[in-house]
């Protein structure tokens, strides 16, 4: 699995938060991208 950093969501004037996309490959050749505000192993509580 490879995480991809992105800038998403404003934190103030001219500032963006850093977030991460995590691509997951499914068993029927589908690809899903989950989003997280951190690179922590436990990302299940991401709002």
C-alpha atoms as a PDB file:
ATOM      1  CA  UNK A   1       0.000   0.000   0.000  1.00  0.00           C
ATOM      2  CA  UNK A   2       1.291   3.442  -0.861  1.00  0.00           C
ATOM      3  CA  UNK A   3       0.039   6.633   0.766  1.00  0.00           C
ATOM      4  CA  UNK A   4      -0.287   9.811  -1.298  1.00  0.00           C
ATOM      5  CA  UNK A   5      -0.031  13.205   0.452  1.00  0.00           C
ATOM      6  CA  UNK A   6      -2.425  15.987  -0.585  1.00  0.00           C
ATOM      7  CA  UNK A   7      -3.383  19.471   0.574  1.00  0.00           C
ATOM      8  CA  UNK A   8      -7.065  19.546   1.569  1.00  0.00           C
ATOM      9  CA  UNK A   9      -9.249  21.817   3.669  1.00  0.00           C
ATOM     10  CA  UNK A  10      -8.408  25.347   4.724  1.00  0.00           C
ATOM     11  CA  UNK A  11      -6.931  25.985   8.169  1.00  0.00           C
ATOM     12  CA  UNK A  12      -6.801  29.746   7.797  1.00  0.00           C
ATOM     13  CA  UNK A  13      -6.146  32.470   5.272  1.00  0.00           C
ATOM     14  CA  UNK A  14      -4.029  30.946   2.513  1.00  0.00           C
ATOM     15  CA  UNK A  15      -3.211  27.803   4.512  1.00  0.00           C
ATOM     16  CA  UNK A  16      -4.200  24.228   3.691  1.00  0.00           C
ATOM     17  CA  UNK A  17      -4.194  21.105   5.860  1.00  0.00           C
ATOM     18  CA  UNK A  18      -2.194  18.070   4.852  1.00  0.00           C
ATOM     19  CA  UNK A  19      -4.090  14.832   4.323  1.00  0.00           C
ATOM     20  CA  UNK A  20      -3.403  11.391   2.881  1.00  0.00           C
ATOM     21  CA  UNK A  21      -5.085   9.174   0.279  1.00  0.00           C
ATOM     22  CA  UNK A  22      -4.653   5.429   0.755  1.00  0.00           C
ATOM     23  CA  UNK A  23      -5.434   3.382  -2.389  1.00  0.00           C
ATOM     24  CA  UNK A  24      -6.913  -0.061  -1.780  1.00  0.00           C
ATOM     25  CA  UNK A  25      -7.225  -2.696  -4.519  1.00  0.00           C
ATOM     26  CA  UNK A  26     -10.385  -4.805  -4.363  1.00  0.00           C
ATOM     27  CA  UNK A  27     -10.978  -8.423  -5.320  1.00  0.00           C
ATOM     28  CA  UNK A  28     -13.063  -7.421  -8.378  1.00  0.00           C
ATOM     29  CA  UNK A  29     -10.411  -5.131  -9.951  1.00  0.00           C
ATOM     30  CA  UNK A  30     -11.833  -2.074  -8.204  1.00  0.00           C
ATOM     31  CA  UNK A  31      -9.744   0.667  -6.594  1.00  0.00           C
ATOM     32  CA  UNK A  32     -10.914   2.684  -3.592  1.00  0.00           C
ATOM     33  CA  UNK A  33      -9.162   5.703  -2.109  1.00  0.00           C
ATOM     34  CA  UNK A  34      -9.653   6.285   1.612  1.00  0.00           C
ATOM     35  CA  UNK A  35      -8.776   9.660   3.138  1.00  0.00           C
ATOM     36  CA  UNK A  36      -7.047  10.322   6.449  1.00  0.00           C
ATOM     37  CA  UNK A  37      -5.701  13.381   8.242  1.00  0.00           C
ATOM     38  CA  UNK A  38      -2.663  11.383   9.422  1.00  0.00           C
ATOM     39  CA  UNK A  39      -0.358   8.550   8.412  1.00  0.00           C
ATOM     40  CA  UNK A  40      -1.031   6.663  11.670  1.00  0.00           C
ATOM     41  CA  UNK A  41      -1.752   2.951  11.431  1.00  0.00           C
ATOM     42  CA  UNK A  42      -5.133   3.357  13.162  1.00  0.00           C
ATOM     43  CA  UNK A  43      -7.079   5.660  10.828  1.00  0.00           C
ATOM     44  CA  UNK A  44     -10.563   4.288  11.558  1.00  0.00           C
ATOM     45  CA  UNK A  45     -11.637   7.390  13.547  1.00  0.00           C
ATOM     46  CA  UNK A  46     -10.994   9.910  10.741  1.00  0.00           C
ATOM     47  CA  UNK A  47     -13.965  12.304  10.468  1.00  0.00           C
END
